[in-house]
């Protein structure tokens, strides 16, 4: 008679403990991964005969002390963070892929090609930015769909096919900056200047507004996933 009422608090305590362990794991796993990466870096740097802590110190000074160090780092980190967020969505859907770099490159080529296309390049900044973003999304999605089709139609591994498509995308980029979207005023292979399609710069920071996108998308995806 008394076994049923006493089971409810015990189940509640077990559920709370399980939730606490899960939350602690979610917090500790990134810290452990960061520590492991730092230790691996120390080992690799030492294997090259260089002082690891001096190298790490130079990295920190380059980011936080040198002029434009922080803004340049933020600019370079923006596409990497966006790619990582895309991987998080794919892995949550139980799709293991490593081809996001190729999708990023194809999206970039498509966006530059469209916003610098003669009929469109004289448009105001706002519609050009929107057109460029949409072009990048559609082109990247179509590129990723190739690996999906190969998997569904022929049973090809998405990991292998998406990785191989990265090399194809790199070759496409090399062709594009030399032929397809080459800047005629440049003496070296380079794409045309996107002009009004450039994102505004964050005042006082020196990097473009795109850096705010992953800062907003990260917490949003953490809540959704």
C-alpha atoms as a PDB file:
ATOM      1  CA  UNK A   1       0.000   0.000   0.000  1.00  0.00           C
ATOM      2  CA  UNK A   2       2.829   2.418   0.837  1.00  0.00           C
ATOM      3  CA  UNK A   3       5.157   1.444  -2.016  1.00  0.00           C
ATOM      4  CA  UNK A   4       3.449   3.577  -4.662  1.00  0.00           C
ATOM      5  CA  UNK A   5       3.592   6.965  -2.851  1.00  0.00           C
ATOM      6  CA  UNK A   6       7.244   6.487  -1.901  1.00  0.00           C
ATOM      7  CA  UNK A   7       8.205   5.679  -5.483  1.00  0.00           C
ATOM      8  CA  UNK A   8       7.272   9.143  -6.738  1.00  0.00           C
ATOM      9  CA  UNK A   9       9.907  11.121  -4.749  1.00  0.00           C
ATOM     10  CA  UNK A  10      12.536   8.533  -5.627  1.00  0.00           C
ATOM     11  CA  UNK A  11      11.721   8.830  -9.314  1.00  0.00           C
ATOM     12  CA  UNK A  12      11.821  12.614  -9.052  1.00  0.00           C
ATOM     13  CA  UNK A  13      15.228  12.517  -7.403  1.00  0.00           C
ATOM     14  CA  UNK A  14      16.546  10.142 -10.062  1.00  0.00           C
ATOM     15  CA  UNK A  15      15.215  12.390 -12.829  1.00  0.00           C
ATOM     16  CA  UNK A  16      16.806  15.465 -11.218  1.00  0.00           C
ATOM     17  CA  UNK A  17      20.133  13.655 -10.839  1.00  0.00           C
ATOM     18  CA  UNK A  18      20.015  12.510 -14.450  1.00  0.00           C
ATOM     19  CA  UNK A  19      19.250  16.049 -15.630  1.00  0.00           C
ATOM     20  CA  UNK A  20      22.088  17.443 -13.495  1.00  0.00           C
ATOM     21  CA  UNK A  21      24.560  14.929 -14.956  1.00  0.00           C
ATOM     22  CA  UNK A  22      23.442  15.773 -18.491  1.00  0.00           C
ATOM     23  CA  UNK A  23      23.851  19.513 -17.889  1.00  0.00           C
ATOM     24  CA  UNK A  24      27.260  18.999 -16.300  1.00  0.00           C
ATOM     25  CA  UNK A  25      28.349  16.870 -19.246  1.00  0.00           C
ATOM     26  CA  UNK A  26      27.239  19.526 -21.732  1.00  0.00           C
ATOM     27  CA  UNK A  27      29.332  22.064 -19.830  1.00  0.00           C
ATOM     28  CA  UNK A  28      32.407  19.916 -19.273  1.00  0.00           C
ATOM     29  CA  UNK A  29      32.748  18.338 -22.719  1.00  0.00           C
ATOM     30  CA  UNK A  30      33.737  21.603 -24.488  1.00  0.00           C
ATOM     31  CA  UNK A  31      36.196  22.426 -21.694  1.00  0.00           C
ATOM     32  CA  UNK A  32      37.792  18.989 -21.897  1.00  0.00           C
ATOM     33  CA  UNK A  33      37.953  19.266 -25.713  1.00  0.00           C
ATOM     34  CA  UNK A  34      39.637  22.684 -25.434  1.00  0.00           C
ATOM     35  CA  UNK A  35      42.142  21.387 -22.890  1.00  0.00           C
ATOM     36  CA  UNK A  36      42.895  18.356 -25.070  1.00  0.00           C
ATOM     37  CA  UNK A  37      43.440  20.617 -28.092  1.00  0.00           C
ATOM     38  CA  UNK A  38      45.853  22.818 -26.134  1.00  0.00           C
ATOM     39  CA  UNK A  39      47.796  19.798 -24.884  1.00  0.00           C
ATOM     40  CA  UNK A  40      47.962  18.349 -28.404  1.00  0.00           C
ATOM     41  CA  UNK A  41      49.183  21.720 -29.664  1.00  0.00           C
ATOM     42  CA  UNK A  42      51.916  21.798 -27.031  1.00  0.00           C
ATOM     43  CA  UNK A  43      53.055  18.328 -28.078  1.00  0.00           C
ATOM     44  CA  UNK A  44      53.120  19.191 -31.792  1.00  0.00           C
ATOM     45  CA  UNK A  45      54.921  22.500 -31.267  1.00  0.00           C
ATOM     46  CA  UNK A  46      57.486  20.848 -29.011  1.00  0.00           C
ATOM     47  CA  UNK A  47      58.004  18.132 -31.623  1.00  0.00           C
ATOM     48  CA  UNK A  48      59.010  20.887 -34.059  1.00  0.00           C
ATOM     49  CA  UNK A  49      61.638  22.093 -31.601  1.00  0.00           C
ATOM     50  CA  UNK A  50      59.826  25.333 -30.699  1.00  0.00           C
ATOM     51  CA  UNK A  51      58.892  26.575 -27.195  1.00  0.00           C
ATOM     52  CA  UNK A  52      55.118  25.884 -26.911  1.00  0.00           C
ATOM     53  CA  UNK A  53      54.273  28.574 -24.377  1.00  0.00           C
ATOM     54  CA  UNK A  54      56.198  31.222 -26.324  1.00  0.00           C
ATOM     55  CA  UNK A  55      54.212  30.274 -29.427  1.00  0.00           C
ATOM     56  CA  UNK A  56      50.922  30.455 -27.519  1.00  0.00           C
ATOM     57  CA  UNK A  57      52.003  33.793 -26.102  1.00  0.00           C
ATOM     58  CA  UNK A  58      52.680  35.115 -29.614  1.00  0.00           C
ATOM     59  CA  UNK A  59      49.203  33.986 -30.668  1.00  0.00           C
ATOM     60  CA  UNK A  60      47.590  35.794 -27.740  1.00  0.00           C
ATOM     61  CA  UNK A  61      49.587  38.963 -28.413  1.00  0.00           C
ATOM     62  CA  UNK A  62      48.728  38.801 -32.100  1.00  0.00           C
ATOM     63  CA  UNK A  63      45.028  38.734 -31.281  1.00  0.00           C
ATOM     64  CA  UNK A  64      44.731  41.083 -28.309  1.00  0.00           C
ATOM     65  CA  UNK A  65      47.753  43.399 -28.603  1.00  0.00           C
ATOM     66  CA  UNK A  66      48.607  43.912 -32.268  1.00  0.00           C
ATOM     67  CA  UNK A  67      46.656  46.534 -34.253  1.00  0.00           C
ATOM     68  CA  UNK A  68      43.568  45.014 -35.906  1.00  0.00           C
ATOM     69  CA  UNK A  69      44.450  41.671 -34.342  1.00  0.00           C
ATOM     70  CA  UNK A  70      41.043  41.163 -32.757  1.00  0.00           C
ATOM     71  CA  UNK A  71      39.064  42.412 -35.755  1.00  0.00           C
ATOM     72  CA  UNK A  72      41.070  40.307 -38.229  1.00  0.00           C
ATOM     73  CA  UNK A  73      40.606  37.249 -36.014  1.00  0.00           C
ATOM     74  CA  UNK A  74      36.853  37.880 -35.810  1.00  0.00           C
ATOM     75  CA  UNK A  75      36.630  38.249 -39.599  1.00  0.00           C
ATOM     76  CA  UNK A  76      38.515  34.987 -40.181  1.00  0.00           C
ATOM     77  CA  UNK A  77      36.529  33.179 -37.477  1.00  0.00           C
ATOM     78  CA  UNK A  78      33.078  34.140 -38.770  1.00  0.00           C
ATOM     79  CA  UNK A  79      32.818  31.574 -41.618  1.00  0.00           C
ATOM     80  CA  UNK A  80      34.426  28.893 -39.421  1.00  0.00           C
ATOM     81  CA  UNK A  81      31.822  29.412 -36.698  1.00  0.00           C
ATOM     82  CA  UNK A  82      28.997  29.355 -39.242  1.00  0.00           C
ATOM     83  CA  UNK A  83      30.356  26.113 -40.702  1.00  0.00           C
ATOM     84  CA  UNK A  84      30.558  24.615 -37.198  1.00  0.00           C
ATOM     85  CA  UNK A  85      26.929  25.567 -36.537  1.00  0.00           C
ATOM     86  CA  UNK A  86      25.950  23.875 -39.791  1.00  0.00           C
ATOM     87  CA  UNK A  87      27.772  20.735 -38.694  1.00  0.00           C
ATOM     88  CA  UNK A  88      25.895  20.831 -35.380  1.00  0.00           C
ATOM     89  CA  UNK A  89      22.562  20.776 -37.205  1.00  0.00           C
ATOM     90  CA  UNK A  90      23.680  17.912 -39.452  1.00  0.00           C
ATOM     91  CA  UNK A  91      25.016  15.837 -36.558  1.00  0.00           C
ATOM     92  CA  UNK A  92      21.843  16.431 -34.575  1.00  0.00           C
ATOM     93  CA  UNK A  93      19.992  14.957 -37.551  1.00  0.00           C
ATOM     94  CA  UNK A  94      22.409  11.986 -37.386  1.00  0.00           C
ATOM     95  CA  UNK A  95      24.020  12.896 -40.716  1.00  0.00           C
ATOM     96  CA  UNK A  96      27.804  12.716 -40.478  1.00  0.00           C
ATOM     97  CA  UNK A  97      29.325  14.962 -43.125  1.00  0.00           C
ATOM     98  CA  UNK A  98      32.644  16.756 -43.506  1.00  0.00           C
ATOM     99  CA  UNK A  99      31.937  18.650 -46.722  1.00  0.00           C
ATOM    100  CA  UNK A 100      30.866  22.043 -45.382  1.00  0.00           C
ATOM    101  CA  UNK A 101      34.014  23.739 -46.692  1.00  0.00           C
ATOM    102  CA  UNK A 102      33.047  22.867 -50.262  1.00  0.00           C
ATOM    103  CA  UNK A 103      29.522  24.189 -49.741  1.00  0.00           C
ATOM    104  CA  UNK A 104      30.973  27.388 -48.291  1.00  0.00           C
ATOM    105  CA  UNK A 105      33.305  27.884 -51.276  1.00  0.00           C
ATOM    106  CA  UNK A 106      30.604  27.223 -53.868  1.00  0.00           C
ATOM    107  CA  UNK A 107      28.234  29.547 -52.033  1.00  0.00           C
ATOM    108  CA  UNK A 108      30.882  32.277 -51.969  1.00  0.00           C
ATOM    109  CA  UNK A 109      31.606  31.933 -55.693  1.00  0.00           C
ATOM    110  CA  UNK A 110      27.898  32.018 -56.541  1.00  0.00           C
ATOM    111  CA  UNK A 111      27.280  35.061 -54.359  1.00  0.00           C
ATOM    112  CA  UNK A 112      30.208  37.029 -55.785  1.00  0.00           C
ATOM    113  CA  UNK A 113      29.302  36.072 -59.329  1.00  0.00           C
ATOM    114  CA  UNK A 114      25.690  37.194 -58.926  1.00  0.00           C
ATOM    115  CA  UNK A 115      26.219  40.490 -57.074  1.00  0.00           C
ATOM    116  CA  UNK A 116      28.943  41.524 -59.540  1.00  0.00           C
ATOM    117  CA  UNK A 117      26.870  40.532 -62.582  1.00  0.00           C
ATOM    118  CA  UNK A 118      26.402  43.602 -64.793  1.00  0.00           C
ATOM    119  CA  UNK A 119      22.576  43.769 -64.610  1.00  0.00           C
ATOM    120  CA  UNK A 120      22.619  43.623 -60.798  1.00  0.00           C
ATOM    121  CA  UNK A 121      25.777  45.294 -59.554  1.00  0.00           C
ATOM    122  CA  UNK A 122      24.305  48.809 -59.718  1.00  0.00           C
ATOM    123  CA  UNK A 123      21.506  47.936 -57.290  1.00  0.00           C
ATOM    124  CA  UNK A 124      21.463  49.531 -53.826  1.00  0.00           C
ATOM    125  CA  UNK A 125      23.351  47.858 -51.002  1.00  0.00           C
ATOM    126  CA  UNK A 126      20.421  46.252 -49.136  1.00  0.00           C
ATOM    127  CA  UNK A 127      18.958  44.235 -52.040  1.00  0.00           C
ATOM    128  CA  UNK A 128      22.450  43.267 -53.198  1.00  0.00           C
ATOM    129  CA  UNK A 129      23.299  41.861 -49.763  1.00  0.00           C
ATOM    130  CA  UNK A 130      20.034  39.900 -49.675  1.00  0.00           C
ATOM    131  CA  UNK A 131      20.575  38.577 -53.215  1.00  0.00           C
ATOM    132  CA  UNK A 132      24.129  37.541 -52.359  1.00  0.00           C
ATOM    133  CA  UNK A 133      23.052  35.731 -49.189  1.00  0.00           C
ATOM    134  CA  UNK A 134      20.247  33.898 -50.994  1.00  0.00           C
ATOM    135  CA  UNK A 135      22.584  32.916 -53.825  1.00  0.00           C
ATOM    136  CA  UNK A 136      25.101  31.525 -51.349  1.00  0.00           C
ATOM    137  CA  UNK A 137      22.429  29.544 -49.495  1.00  0.00           C
ATOM    138  CA  UNK A 138      20.933  28.046 -52.666  1.00  0.00           C
ATOM    139  CA  UNK A 139      24.319  27.215 -54.207  1.00  0.00           C
ATOM    140  CA  UNK A 140      25.626  25.637 -51.003  1.00  0.00           C
ATOM    141  CA  UNK A 141      22.432  23.614 -50.583  1.00  0.00           C
ATOM    142  CA  UNK A 142      22.606  22.371 -54.177  1.00  0.00           C
ATOM    143  CA  UNK A 143      26.247  21.381 -53.676  1.00  0.00           C
ATOM    144  CA  UNK A 144      25.408  19.429 -50.517  1.00  0.00           C
ATOM    145  CA  UNK A 145      22.493  17.782 -52.333  1.00  0.00           C
ATOM    146  CA  UNK A 146      24.990  16.065 -54.637  1.00  0.00           C
ATOM    147  CA  UNK A 147      26.331  13.999 -51.729  1.00  0.00           C
ATOM    148  CA  UNK A 148      22.770  13.295 -50.593  1.00  0.00           C
ATOM    149  CA  UNK A 149      21.769  12.082 -54.050  1.00  0.00           C
ATOM    150  CA  UNK A 150      24.834   9.842 -54.346  1.00  0.00           C
ATOM    151  CA  UNK A 151      23.998   8.334 -50.964  1.00  0.00           C
ATOM    152  CA  UNK A 152      20.335   7.685 -51.757  1.00  0.00           C
ATOM    153  CA  UNK A 153      20.828   6.535 -55.345  1.00  0.00           C
ATOM    154  CA  UNK A 154      24.049   4.526 -55.122  1.00  0.00           C
ATOM    155  CA  UNK A 155      24.609   4.044 -51.389  1.00  0.00           C
ATOM    156  CA  UNK A 156      27.789   6.143 -51.471  1.00  0.00           C
ATOM    157  CA  UNK A 157      29.206   7.243 -48.140  1.00  0.00           C
ATOM    158  CA  UNK A 158      28.228  10.846 -47.396  1.00  0.00           C
ATOM    159  CA  UNK A 159      31.495  11.275 -45.494  1.00  0.00           C
ATOM    160  CA  UNK A 160      33.621  10.299 -48.489  1.00  0.00           C
ATOM    161  CA  UNK A 161      31.544  11.978 -51.178  1.00  0.00           C
ATOM    162  CA  UNK A 162      31.186  15.248 -49.267  1.00  0.00           C
ATOM    163  CA  UNK A 163      34.944  15.277 -48.606  1.00  0.00           C
ATOM    164  CA  UNK A 164      35.737  14.637 -52.273  1.00  0.00           C
ATOM    165  CA  UNK A 165      33.383  17.438 -53.271  1.00  0.00           C
ATOM    166  CA  UNK A 166      35.506  19.825 -51.180  1.00  0.00           C
ATOM    167  CA  UNK A 167      38.405  19.286 -53.593  1.00  0.00           C
ATOM    168  CA  UNK A 168      36.107  19.820 -56.576  1.00  0.00           C
ATOM    169  CA  UNK A 169      34.886  23.064 -54.985  1.00  0.00           C
ATOM    170  CA  UNK A 170      38.474  24.198 -54.441  1.00  0.00           C
ATOM    171  CA  UNK A 171      39.224  23.554 -58.117  1.00  0.00           C
ATOM    172  CA  UNK A 172      36.073  25.467 -59.060  1.00  0.00           C
ATOM    173  CA  UNK A 173      37.226  28.396 -56.921  1.00  0.00           C
ATOM    174  CA  UNK A 174      40.639  28.414 -58.588  1.00  0.00           C
ATOM    175  CA  UNK A 175      38.961  28.482 -62.002  1.00  0.00           C
ATOM    176  CA  UNK A 176      36.514  31.201 -60.925  1.00  0.00           C
ATOM    177  CA  UNK A 177      39.135  33.672 -59.699  1.00  0.00           C
ATOM    178  CA  UNK A 178      41.121  33.170 -62.904  1.00  0.00           C
ATOM    179  CA  UNK A 179      38.271  33.089 -65.414  1.00  0.00           C
ATOM    180  CA  UNK A 180      34.674  33.157 -64.198  1.00  0.00           C
ATOM    181  CA  UNK A 181      34.662  36.052 -61.726  1.00  0.00           C
ATOM    182  CA  UNK A 182      38.190  37.344 -62.223  1.00  0.00           C
ATOM    183  CA  UNK A 183      38.865  40.987 -61.459  1.00  0.00           C
ATOM    184  CA  UNK A 184      40.099  42.464 -64.769  1.00  0.00           C
ATOM    185  CA  UNK A 185      42.039  45.171 -62.904  1.00  0.00           C
ATOM    186  CA  UNK A 186      44.022  42.712 -60.769  1.00  0.00           C
ATOM    187  CA  UNK A 187      47.480  41.429 -61.709  1.00  0.00           C
ATOM    188  CA  UNK A 188      46.993  38.299 -59.605  1.00  0.00           C
ATOM    189  CA  UNK A 189      44.090  35.796 -59.551  1.00  0.00           C
ATOM    190  CA  UNK A 190      41.335  37.495 -57.565  1.00  0.00           C
ATOM    191  CA  UNK A 191      37.579  37.849 -57.686  1.00  0.00           C
ATOM    192  CA  UNK A 192      35.782  41.010 -58.695  1.00  0.00           C
ATOM    193  CA  UNK A 193      35.146  43.550 -55.929  1.00  0.00           C
ATOM    194  CA  UNK A 194      31.646  43.155 -54.517  1.00  0.00           C
ATOM    195  CA  UNK A 195      31.282  46.882 -53.875  1.00  0.00           C
ATOM    196  CA  UNK A 196      27.865  47.788 -52.486  1.00  0.00           C
ATOM    197  CA  UNK A 197      27.206  44.160 -51.523  1.00  0.00           C
ATOM    198  CA  UNK A 198      29.748  44.431 -48.693  1.00  0.00           C
ATOM    199  CA  UNK A 199      28.299  44.158 -45.209  1.00  0.00           C
ATOM    200  CA  UNK A 200      28.556  47.308 -43.064  1.00  0.00           C
ATOM    201  CA  UNK A 201      31.426  47.520 -40.595  1.00  0.00           C
ATOM    202  CA  UNK A 202      30.738  47.342 -36.863  1.00  0.00           C
ATOM    203  CA  UNK A 203      31.638  50.808 -35.481  1.00  0.00           C
ATOM    204  CA  UNK A 204      34.797  50.788 -33.394  1.00  0.00           C
ATOM    205  CA  UNK A 205      35.539  47.124 -34.047  1.00  0.00           C
ATOM    206  CA  UNK A 206      36.833  47.021 -37.608  1.00  0.00           C
ATOM    207  CA  UNK A 207      35.081  43.837 -38.746  1.00  0.00           C
ATOM    208  CA  UNK A 208      31.925  43.451 -40.780  1.00  0.00           C
ATOM    209  CA  UNK A 209      28.417  42.959 -39.465  1.00  0.00           C
ATOM    210  CA  UNK A 210      28.499  39.273 -40.388  1.00  0.00           C
ATOM    211  CA  UNK A 211      30.409  38.565 -37.178  1.00  0.00           C
ATOM    212  CA  UNK A 212      27.170  39.135 -35.275  1.00  0.00           C
ATOM    213  CA  UNK A 213      25.362  36.375 -37.171  1.00  0.00           C
ATOM    214  CA  UNK A 214      27.071  33.417 -35.442  1.00  0.00           C
ATOM    215  CA  UNK A 215      26.797  35.208 -32.091  1.00  0.00           C
ATOM    216  CA  UNK A 216      23.020  35.257 -32.548  1.00  0.00           C
ATOM    217  CA  UNK A 217      22.663  31.895 -34.305  1.00  0.00           C
ATOM    218  CA  UNK A 218      24.746  30.000 -31.726  1.00  0.00           C
ATOM    219  CA  UNK A 219      22.393  30.497 -28.744  1.00  0.00           C
ATOM    220  CA  UNK A 220      19.354  30.167 -31.044  1.00  0.00           C
ATOM    221  CA  UNK A 221      20.519  26.774 -32.346  1.00  0.00           C
ATOM    222  CA  UNK A 222      21.444  25.650 -28.832  1.00  0.00           C
ATOM    223  CA  UNK A 223      17.850  26.327 -27.809  1.00  0.00           C
ATOM    224  CA  UNK A 224      16.351  24.651 -30.888  1.00  0.00           C
ATOM    225  CA  UNK A 225      18.587  21.578 -30.828  1.00  0.00           C
END
